[in-house]
Amino acid sequence: MSTTICQVMGFLVSLLGVGGSIMATAMDTWSMQDLYDNPVTAVFQYQGLWRSCVRQSSGFTECRPYFTILGLPAMFQAVRALMIVGIVLGILGLLVCIFALKCIRIGSMEDTAKANMTLTSGIMFIIAGLCAITGVSVFANMLVTNFWMSTTNMFQGMQNVQNRYTFGSALFVGWVAGGLALVGGIMMCLACKGLIPEESRYKAVSYNASGRNISYRTGPYKSGLGYEADPKTRKGVGYEEAPRSEDGRRSYPSKYDYV
């Protein structure tokens, strides 16, 4: 029962993580204009991975997509690629995980196959979570670098008004989504161990004789000059032990005793 609960919980947590990654990728608030010590407050700018928007004080918002790909920075394109790869792996992991759930029976699928599928989906969720966390972290590093460069230029008097951008809400959504996908993948990997049947964990090898079933019995072994069988086995029908004399020697009957 605990294995089923762990598997279902891992699936639900991973579903939330993948959904959060899709939401973060589609959001336009990856970077937001910093209004601190900014005299121009009538226009508010924010940017996403796919377009940049301008919102005026009157409530009118205008968004413009990026019409170029080669003109964008290389790190910006790398963030796009990481998020897309994470989403694709997460969706594939969800499809595999649905068929790997223990509470769902499809034909005569064995538990070993379900365990392998559970492990595969768990690895996919882990990679998807790492891609989302890495992509968001790279974009955040770009924002921090540009923010301090703009602040330095402003204090040096190189430019009077410089637009500075800070963290948007999409970054926090991406971090949480990547963490959920990572935790869900770990839970799926832990559930894989409980799905493996007990008889398949320890495989014993049996050897069978090709001929008839023959049993061998070894006789007793005594240390000495050679091999001597047990004296009891030498006794048969009509066998009597010879009597001993007073000095301890055996006295055997002579041929005249039988006449």
C-alpha atoms as a PDB file:
ATOM      1  CA  MET A   1       0.000   0.000   0.000  1.00  0.00           C
ATOM      2  CA  SER A   2       2.835   2.388   0.798  1.00  0.00           C
ATOM      3  CA  THR A   3       4.356   1.765  -2.629  1.00  0.00           C
ATOM      4  CA  THR A   4       1.102   2.723  -4.346  1.00  0.00           C
ATOM      5  CA  ILE A   5       0.771   5.885  -2.244  1.00  0.00           C
ATOM      6  CA  CYS A   6       4.365   6.884  -2.972  1.00  0.00           C
ATOM      7  CA  GLN A   7       3.852   6.303  -6.683  1.00  0.00           C
ATOM      8  CA  VAL A   8       0.580   8.259  -6.848  1.00  0.00           C
ATOM      9  CA  MET A   9       1.994  11.120  -4.783  1.00  0.00           C
ATOM     10  CA  GLY A  10       5.069  11.250  -7.006  1.00  0.00           C
ATOM     11  CA  PHE A  11       2.835  11.401 -10.071  1.00  0.00           C
ATOM     12  CA  LEU A  12       0.728  14.255  -8.645  1.00  0.00           C
ATOM     13  CA  VAL A  13       3.758  16.259  -7.483  1.00  0.00           C
ATOM     14  CA  SER A  14       5.434  15.788 -10.865  1.00  0.00           C
ATOM     15  CA  LEU A  15       2.219  16.845 -12.606  1.00  0.00           C
ATOM     16  CA  LEU A  16       2.240  20.080 -10.623  1.00  0.00           C
ATOM     17  CA  GLY A  17       5.902  20.601 -11.452  1.00  0.00           C
ATOM     18  CA  VAL A  18       5.431  20.106 -15.190  1.00  0.00           C
ATOM     19  CA  GLY A  19       2.353  22.336 -15.199  1.00  0.00           C
ATOM     20  CA  GLY A  20       4.276  25.021 -13.322  1.00  0.00           C
ATOM     21  CA  SER A  21       7.129  24.827 -15.839  1.00  0.00           C
ATOM     22  CA  ILE A  22       4.689  25.328 -18.718  1.00  0.00           C
ATOM     23  CA  MET A  23       3.098  28.268 -16.902  1.00  0.00           C
ATOM     24  CA  ALA A  24       6.449  29.878 -16.126  1.00  0.00           C
ATOM     25  CA  THR A  25       7.626  29.518 -19.716  1.00  0.00           C
ATOM     26  CA  ALA A  26       4.494  31.184 -21.071  1.00  0.00           C
ATOM     27  CA  MET A  27       4.481  34.062 -18.564  1.00  0.00           C
ATOM     28  CA  ASP A  28       5.645  37.532 -19.609  1.00  0.00           C
ATOM     29  CA  THR A  29       6.987  38.565 -16.216  1.00  0.00           C
ATOM     30  CA  TRP A  30      10.451  37.048 -16.226  1.00  0.00           C
ATOM     31  CA  SER A  31      11.969  40.481 -15.705  1.00  0.00           C
ATOM     32  CA  MET A  32      10.187  43.574 -14.396  1.00  0.00           C
ATOM     33  CA  GLN A  33      11.272  47.182 -14.406  1.00  0.00           C
ATOM     34  CA  ASP A  34      12.687  48.376 -11.120  1.00  0.00           C
ATOM     35  CA  LEU A  35      10.720  51.456 -10.045  1.00  0.00           C
ATOM     36  CA  TYR A  36      13.014  52.319  -7.149  1.00  0.00           C
ATOM     37  CA  ASP A  37      14.486  55.831  -7.593  1.00  0.00           C
ATOM     38  CA  ASN A  38      12.946  56.045 -11.060  1.00  0.00           C
ATOM     39  CA  PRO A  39      11.303  59.400 -11.879  1.00  0.00           C
ATOM     40  CA  VAL A  40       9.314  57.937 -14.778  1.00  0.00           C
ATOM     41  CA  THR A  41       6.419  55.973 -13.289  1.00  0.00           C
ATOM     42  CA  ALA A  42       3.829  56.504 -16.035  1.00  0.00           C
ATOM     43  CA  VAL A  43       5.241  53.605 -18.060  1.00  0.00           C
ATOM     44  CA  PHE A  44       5.971  50.172 -16.639  1.00  0.00           C
ATOM     45  CA  GLN A  45       7.927  47.615 -18.688  1.00  0.00           C
ATOM     46  CA  TYR A  46       8.270  43.871 -18.205  1.00  0.00           C
ATOM     47  CA  GLN A  47       9.697  41.131 -20.381  1.00  0.00           C
ATOM     48  CA  GLY A  48       9.303  37.412 -20.905  1.00  0.00           C
ATOM     49  CA  LEU A  49      10.954  34.720 -22.965  1.00  0.00           C
ATOM     50  CA  TRP A  50       8.817  35.387 -26.016  1.00  0.00           C
ATOM     51  CA  ARG A  51       7.777  39.032 -25.913  1.00  0.00           C
ATOM     52  CA  SER A  52       8.183  42.350 -24.097  1.00  0.00           C
ATOM     53  CA  CYS A  53       5.277  44.414 -22.795  1.00  0.00           C
ATOM     54  CA  VAL A  54       4.658  48.025 -21.820  1.00  0.00           C
ATOM     55  CA  ARG A  55       1.874  49.037 -19.459  1.00  0.00           C
ATOM     56  CA  GLN A  56       0.857  52.661 -19.146  1.00  0.00           C
ATOM     57  CA  SER A  57      -0.672  54.404 -16.173  1.00  0.00           C
ATOM     58  CA  SER A  58      -3.997  54.578 -18.018  1.00  0.00           C
ATOM     59  CA  GLY A  59      -4.204  50.761 -17.944  1.00  0.00           C
ATOM     60  CA  PHE A  60      -3.387  50.217 -21.607  1.00  0.00           C
ATOM     61  CA  THR A  61      -0.926  47.355 -22.191  1.00  0.00           C
ATOM     62  CA  GLU A  62       0.939  46.721 -25.402  1.00  0.00           C
ATOM     63  CA  CYS A  63       3.068  43.602 -26.008  1.00  0.00           C
ATOM     64  CA  ARG A  64       5.477  43.008 -28.828  1.00  0.00           C
ATOM     65  CA  PRO A  65       6.999  39.603 -29.615  1.00  0.00           C
ATOM     66  CA  TYR A  66      10.657  39.113 -30.405  1.00  0.00           C
ATOM     67  CA  PHE A  67      10.795  38.988 -34.178  1.00  0.00           C
ATOM     68  CA  THR A  68      14.391  37.822 -34.251  1.00  0.00           C
ATOM     69  CA  ILE A  69      16.241  34.777 -33.045  1.00  0.00           C
ATOM     70  CA  LEU A  70      19.826  35.503 -34.036  1.00  0.00           C
ATOM     71  CA  GLY A  71      19.636  38.977 -32.535  1.00  0.00           C
ATOM     72  CA  LEU A  72      18.929  37.646 -29.035  1.00  0.00           C
ATOM     73  CA  PRO A  73      21.768  36.915 -26.585  1.00  0.00           C
ATOM     74  CA  ALA A  74      23.132  33.393 -26.514  1.00  0.00           C
ATOM     75  CA  MET A  75      22.288  32.919 -22.833  1.00  0.00           C
ATOM     76  CA  PHE A  76      18.726  34.027 -23.512  1.00  0.00           C
ATOM     77  CA  GLN A  77      18.353  31.369 -26.198  1.00  0.00           C
ATOM     78  CA  ALA A  78      19.921  28.792 -23.880  1.00  0.00           C
ATOM     79  CA  VAL A  79      17.253  29.536 -21.267  1.00  0.00           C
ATOM     80  CA  ARG A  80      14.568  29.007 -23.887  1.00  0.00           C
ATOM     81  CA  ALA A  81      16.081  25.669 -24.895  1.00  0.00           C
ATOM     82  CA  LEU A  82      16.364  24.458 -21.287  1.00  0.00           C
ATOM     83  CA  MET A  83      12.754  25.256 -20.517  1.00  0.00           C
ATOM     84  CA  ILE A  84      11.497  23.585 -23.695  1.00  0.00           C
ATOM     85  CA  VAL A  85      13.566  20.445 -23.068  1.00  0.00           C
ATOM     86  CA  GLY A  86      12.302  20.294 -19.487  1.00  0.00           C
ATOM     87  CA  ILE A  87       8.684  20.577 -20.611  1.00  0.00           C
ATOM     88  CA  VAL A  88       9.058  17.890 -23.292  1.00  0.00           C
ATOM     89  CA  LEU A  89      10.727  15.464 -20.874  1.00  0.00           C
ATOM     90  CA  GLY A  90       8.092  16.193 -18.251  1.00  0.00           C
ATOM     91  CA  ILE A  91       5.212  15.479 -20.631  1.00  0.00           C
ATOM     92  CA  LEU A  92       6.823  12.229 -21.790  1.00  0.00           C
ATOM     93  CA  GLY A  93       7.414  11.251 -18.166  1.00  0.00           C
ATOM     94  CA  LEU A  94       3.742  11.853 -17.370  1.00  0.00           C
ATOM     95  CA  LEU A  95       2.624   9.650 -20.263  1.00  0.00           C
ATOM     96  CA  VAL A  96       4.936   6.842 -19.172  1.00  0.00           C
ATOM     97  CA  CYS A  97       3.938   7.247 -15.526  1.00  0.00           C
ATOM     98  CA  ILE A  98       0.231   6.906 -16.296  1.00  0.00           C
ATOM     99  CA  PHE A  99       0.768   3.393 -17.707  1.00  0.00           C
ATOM    100  CA  ALA A 100       3.159   2.535 -14.866  1.00  0.00           C
ATOM    101  CA  LEU A 101       0.699   3.247 -12.033  1.00  0.00           C
ATOM    102  CA  LYS A 102       0.104   0.164  -9.935  1.00  0.00           C
ATOM    103  CA  CYS A 103      -3.573   0.984  -9.486  1.00  0.00           C
ATOM    104  CA  ILE A 104      -4.123   0.791 -13.257  1.00  0.00           C
ATOM    105  CA  ARG A 105      -4.087  -2.633 -14.932  1.00  0.00           C
ATOM    106  CA  ILE A 106      -3.457  -2.795 -18.663  1.00  0.00           C
ATOM    107  CA  GLY A 107      -3.735  -6.320 -20.057  1.00  0.00           C
ATOM    108  CA  SER A 108      -1.283  -8.775 -18.520  1.00  0.00           C
ATOM    109  CA  MET A 109       1.495  -6.311 -17.756  1.00  0.00           C
ATOM    110  CA  GLU A 110       3.846  -7.674 -15.123  1.00  0.00           C
ATOM    111  CA  ASP A 111       5.066  -5.777 -12.080  1.00  0.00           C
ATOM    112  CA  THR A 112       8.633  -5.873 -13.405  1.00  0.00           C
ATOM    113  CA  ALA A 113       7.598  -3.902 -16.491  1.00  0.00           C
ATOM    114  CA  LYS A 114       5.743  -1.405 -14.318  1.00  0.00           C
ATOM    115  CA  ALA A 115       8.834  -1.020 -12.153  1.00  0.00           C
ATOM    116  CA  ASN A 116      11.013  -0.260 -15.175  1.00  0.00           C
ATOM    117  CA  MET A 117       8.491   2.260 -16.483  1.00  0.00           C
ATOM    118  CA  THR A 118       8.270   3.903 -13.064  1.00  0.00           C
ATOM    119  CA  LEU A 119      12.042   4.262 -12.898  1.00  0.00           C
ATOM    120  CA  THR A 120      12.143   5.695 -16.419  1.00  0.00           C
ATOM    121  CA  SER A 121       9.482   8.294 -15.649  1.00  0.00           C
ATOM    122  CA  GLY A 122      11.251   9.208 -12.412  1.00  0.00           C
ATOM    123  CA  ILE A 123      14.509   9.863 -14.242  1.00  0.00           C
ATOM    124  CA  MET A 124      12.640  11.991 -16.790  1.00  0.00           C
ATOM    125  CA  PHE A 125      11.053  14.065 -14.023  1.00  0.00           C
ATOM    126  CA  ILE A 126      14.417  14.601 -12.344  1.00  0.00           C
ATOM    127  CA  ILE A 127      16.017  15.795 -15.588  1.00  0.00           C
ATOM    128  CA  ALA A 128      13.011  18.036 -16.313  1.00  0.00           C
ATOM    129  CA  GLY A 129      13.245  19.607 -12.870  1.00  0.00           C
ATOM    130  CA  LEU A 130      16.977  20.203 -13.242  1.00  0.00           C
ATOM    131  CA  CYS A 131      16.423  21.834 -16.648  1.00  0.00           C
ATOM    132  CA  ALA A 132      13.794  24.189 -15.221  1.00  0.00           C
ATOM    133  CA  ILE A 133      15.911  25.148 -12.206  1.00  0.00           C
ATOM    134  CA  THR A 134      18.999  25.657 -14.361  1.00  0.00           C
ATOM    135  CA  GLY A 135      17.160  27.785 -16.929  1.00  0.00           C
ATOM    136  CA  VAL A 136      15.594  30.046 -14.307  1.00  0.00           C
ATOM    137  CA  SER A 137      18.883  30.386 -12.436  1.00  0.00           C
ATOM    138  CA  VAL A 138      20.765  31.371 -15.597  1.00  0.00           C
ATOM    139  CA  PHE A 139      18.179  34.046 -16.378  1.00  0.00           C
ATOM    140  CA  ALA A 140      18.336  35.323 -12.800  1.00  0.00           C
ATOM    141  CA  ASN A 141      22.118  35.560 -13.056  1.00  0.00           C
ATOM    142  CA  MET A 142      21.740  37.637 -16.226  1.00  0.00           C
ATOM    143  CA  LEU A 143      19.348  39.987 -14.415  1.00  0.00           C
ATOM    144  CA  VAL A 144      21.675  40.437 -11.461  1.00  0.00           C
ATOM    145  CA  THR A 145      24.633  41.196 -13.729  1.00  0.00           C
ATOM    146  CA  ASN A 146      22.701  43.754 -15.809  1.00  0.00           C
ATOM    147  CA  PHE A 147      21.193  45.317 -12.689  1.00  0.00           C
ATOM    148  CA  TRP A 148      24.538  46.053 -11.068  1.00  0.00           C
ATOM    149  CA  MET A 149      26.031  47.246 -14.329  1.00  0.00           C
ATOM    150  CA  SER A 150      23.138  49.686 -14.789  1.00  0.00           C
ATOM    151  CA  THR A 151      23.451  50.838 -11.173  1.00  0.00           C
ATOM    152  CA  THR A 152      27.161  51.509 -11.596  1.00  0.00           C
ATOM    153  CA  ASN A 153      26.574  53.544 -14.729  1.00  0.00           C
ATOM    154  CA  MET A 154      23.903  55.589 -13.001  1.00  0.00           C
ATOM    155  CA  PHE A 155      26.116  56.449 -10.034  1.00  0.00           C
ATOM    156  CA  GLN A 156      29.018  57.343 -12.309  1.00  0.00           C
ATOM    157  CA  GLY A 157      26.813  59.825 -14.169  1.00  0.00           C
ATOM    158  CA  MET A 158      27.228  58.132 -17.534  1.00  0.00           C
ATOM    159  CA  GLN A 159      23.468  58.078 -18.032  1.00  0.00           C
ATOM    160  CA  ASN A 160      20.826  60.029 -16.178  1.00  0.00           C
ATOM    161  CA  VAL A 161      17.984  57.574 -16.630  1.00  0.00           C
ATOM    162  CA  GLN A 162      18.729  53.865 -16.909  1.00  0.00           C
ATOM    163  CA  ASN A 163      16.062  51.159 -16.946  1.00  0.00           C
ATOM    164  CA  ARG A 164      16.907  48.461 -14.462  1.00  0.00           C
ATOM    165  CA  TYR A 165      15.117  45.119 -14.352  1.00  0.00           C
ATOM    166  CA  THR A 166      14.605  42.896 -11.341  1.00  0.00           C
ATOM    167  CA  PHE A 167      13.163  39.454 -10.696  1.00  0.00           C
ATOM    168  CA  GLY A 168       9.681  38.795 -12.026  1.00  0.00           C
ATOM    169  CA  SER A 169       7.060  36.421 -10.708  1.00  0.00           C
ATOM    170  CA  ALA A 170       7.803  33.891 -13.462  1.00  0.00           C
ATOM    171  CA  LEU A 171      11.226  33.173 -11.949  1.00  0.00           C
ATOM    172  CA  PHE A 172       9.748  32.112  -8.613  1.00  0.00           C
ATOM    173  CA  VAL A 173       7.131  29.990 -10.379  1.00  0.00           C
ATOM    174  CA  GLY A 174       9.909  28.296 -12.348  1.00  0.00           C
ATOM    175  CA  TRP A 175      11.989  27.597  -9.248  1.00  0.00           C
ATOM    176  CA  VAL A 176       9.037  26.071  -7.402  1.00  0.00           C
ATOM    177  CA  ALA A 177       7.990  24.044 -10.450  1.00  0.00           C
ATOM    178  CA  GLY A 178      11.489  22.679 -10.951  1.00  0.00           C
ATOM    179  CA  GLY A 179      11.697  21.694  -7.290  1.00  0.00           C
ATOM    180  CA  LEU A 180       8.331  19.908  -7.444  1.00  0.00           C
ATOM    181  CA  ALA A 181       9.356  17.985 -10.564  1.00  0.00           C
ATOM    182  CA  LEU A 182      12.630  17.005  -8.884  1.00  0.00           C
ATOM    183  CA  VAL A 183      10.876  15.776  -5.723  1.00  0.00           C
ATOM    184  CA  GLY A 184       8.284  13.885  -7.774  1.00  0.00           C
ATOM    185  CA  GLY A 185      11.010  12.152  -9.754  1.00  0.00           C
ATOM    186  CA  ILE A 186      12.769  11.068  -6.563  1.00  0.00           C
ATOM    187  CA  MET A 187       9.501   9.669  -5.190  1.00  0.00           C
ATOM    188  CA  MET A 188       8.949   7.703  -8.391  1.00  0.00           C
ATOM    189  CA  CYS A 189      12.437   6.218  -8.167  1.00  0.00           C
ATOM    190  CA  LEU A 190      11.763   5.182  -4.563  1.00  0.00           C
ATOM    191  CA  ALA A 191       8.452   3.600  -5.561  1.00  0.00           C
ATOM    192  CA  CYS A 192      10.248   1.542  -8.220  1.00  0.00           C
ATOM    193  CA  LYS A 193      11.998  -0.528  -5.555  1.00  0.00           C
ATOM    194  CA  GLY A 194       8.699  -1.632  -4.025  1.00  0.00           C
ATOM    195  CA  LEU A 195       7.274  -2.720  -7.376  1.00  0.00           C
ATOM    196  CA  ILE A 196      10.014  -5.283  -8.037  1.00  0.00           C
ATOM    197  CA  PRO A 197       8.744  -8.785  -7.117  1.00  0.00           C
ATOM    198  CA  GLU A 198      10.562 -10.567  -4.327  1.00  0.00           C
ATOM    199  CA  GLU A 199      11.376 -13.678  -6.385  1.00  0.00           C
ATOM    200  CA  SER A 200      13.148 -11.604  -9.052  1.00  0.00           C
ATOM    201  CA  ARG A 201      15.482  -9.871  -6.604  1.00  0.00           C
ATOM    202  CA  TYR A 202      17.371 -13.036  -5.680  1.00  0.00           C
ATOM    203  CA  LYS A 203      17.785 -15.416  -8.578  1.00  0.00           C
ATOM    204  CA  ALA A 204      18.983 -18.891  -7.619  1.00  0.00           C
ATOM    205  CA  VAL A 205      20.698 -21.220 -10.090  1.00  0.00           C
ATOM    206  CA  SER A 206      19.779 -24.935  -9.944  1.00  0.00           C
ATOM    207  CA  TYR A 207      21.816 -27.678 -11.558  1.00  0.00           C
ATOM    208  CA  ASN A 208      20.125 -30.892 -12.721  1.00  0.00           C
ATOM    209  CA  ALA A 209      21.907 -34.080 -13.713  1.00  0.00           C
ATOM    210  CA  SER A 210      21.478 -35.033 -17.349  1.00  0.00           C
ATOM    211  CA  GLY A 211      21.239 -38.745 -16.616  1.00  0.00           C
ATOM    212  CA  ARG A 212      19.479 -40.807 -14.004  1.00  0.00           C
ATOM    213  CA  ASN A 213      19.196 -39.593 -10.457  1.00  0.00           C
ATOM    214  CA  ILE A 214      22.138 -41.274  -8.803  1.00  0.00           C
ATOM    215  CA  SER A 215      22.939 -40.815  -5.145  1.00  0.00           C
ATOM    216  CA  TYR A 216      26.473 -41.360  -3.906  1.00  0.00           C
ATOM    217  CA  ARG A 217      27.365 -42.304  -0.347  1.00  0.00           C
ATOM    218  CA  THR A 218      30.878 -42.150   0.967  1.00  0.00           C
ATOM    219  CA  GLY A 219      32.155 -44.580   3.521  1.00  0.00           C
ATOM    220  CA  PRO A 220      33.844 -43.678   6.794  1.00  0.00           C
ATOM    221  CA  TYR A 221      37.457 -42.597   6.686  1.00  0.00           C
ATOM    222  CA  LYS A 222      39.973 -43.529   9.351  1.00  0.00           C
ATOM    223  CA  SER A 223      43.400 -42.111   9.721  1.00  0.00           C
ATOM    224  CA  GLY A 224      46.052 -44.743   9.465  1.00  0.00           C
ATOM    225  CA  LEU A 225      48.062 -46.585   6.931  1.00  0.00           C
ATOM    226  CA  GLY A 226      45.156 -46.970   4.557  1.00  0.00           C
ATOM    227  CA  TYR A 227      41.458 -47.084   4.121  1.00  0.00           C
ATOM    228  CA  GLU A 228      39.564 -49.502   6.345  1.00  0.00           C
ATOM    229  CA  ALA A 229      35.876 -50.009   6.307  1.00  0.00           C
ATOM    230  CA  ASP A 230      33.824 -50.174   9.450  1.00  0.00           C
ATOM    231  CA  PRO A 231      34.198 -53.587  11.119  1.00  0.00           C
ATOM    232  CA  LYS A 232      30.437 -53.743  11.525  1.00  0.00           C
ATOM    233  CA  THR A 233      29.990 -53.771   7.761  1.00  0.00           C
ATOM    234  CA  ARG A 234      32.194 -56.838   7.415  1.00  0.00           C
ATOM    235  CA  LYS A 235      29.904 -58.970   9.524  1.00  0.00           C
ATOM    236  CA  GLY A 236      27.556 -61.123   7.593  1.00  0.00           C
ATOM    237  CA  VAL A 237      25.563 -64.277   7.970  1.00  0.00           C
ATOM    238  CA  GLY A 238      27.580 -66.955   9.760  1.00  0.00           C
ATOM    239  CA  TYR A 239      30.334 -64.610  10.814  1.00  0.00           C
ATOM    240  CA  GLU A 240      31.475 -64.853  14.406  1.00  0.00           C
ATOM    241  CA  GLU A 241      34.337 -63.086  16.012  1.00  0.00           C
ATOM    242  CA  ALA A 242      37.104 -65.365  17.190  1.00  0.00           C
ATOM    243  CA  PRO A 243      37.534 -65.668  20.970  1.00  0.00           C
ATOM    244  CA  ARG A 244      40.532 -64.101  22.646  1.00  0.00           C
ATOM    245  CA  SER A 245      43.053 -65.888  24.832  1.00  0.00           C
ATOM    246  CA  GLU A 246      44.367 -64.766  28.174  1.00  0.00           C
ATOM    247  CA  ASP A 247      47.188 -62.706  26.630  1.00  0.00           C
ATOM    248  CA  GLY A 248      44.685 -60.810  24.409  1.00  0.00           C
ATOM    249  CA  ARG A 249      45.427 -62.645  21.141  1.00  0.00           C
ATOM    250  CA  ARG A 250      42.724 -64.108  19.000  1.00  0.00           C
ATOM    251  CA  SER A 251      42.604 -67.914  18.824  1.00  0.00           C
ATOM    252  CA  TYR A 252      41.410 -69.180  15.490  1.00  0.00           C
ATOM    253  CA  PRO A 253      40.132 -72.766  15.086  1.00  0.00           C
ATOM    254  CA  SER A 254      42.429 -75.214  13.356  1.00  0.00           C
ATOM    255  CA  LYS A 255      41.457 -77.664  10.681  1.00  0.00           C
ATOM    256  CA  TYR A 256      41.306 -80.493  13.216  1.00  0.00           C
ATOM    257  CA  ASP A 257      38.522 -78.784  15.097  1.00  0.00           C
ATOM    258  CA  TYR A 258      36.133 -79.313  12.188  1.00  0.00           C
ATOM    259  CA  VAL A 259      36.690 -83.080  12.007  1.00  0.00           C
END
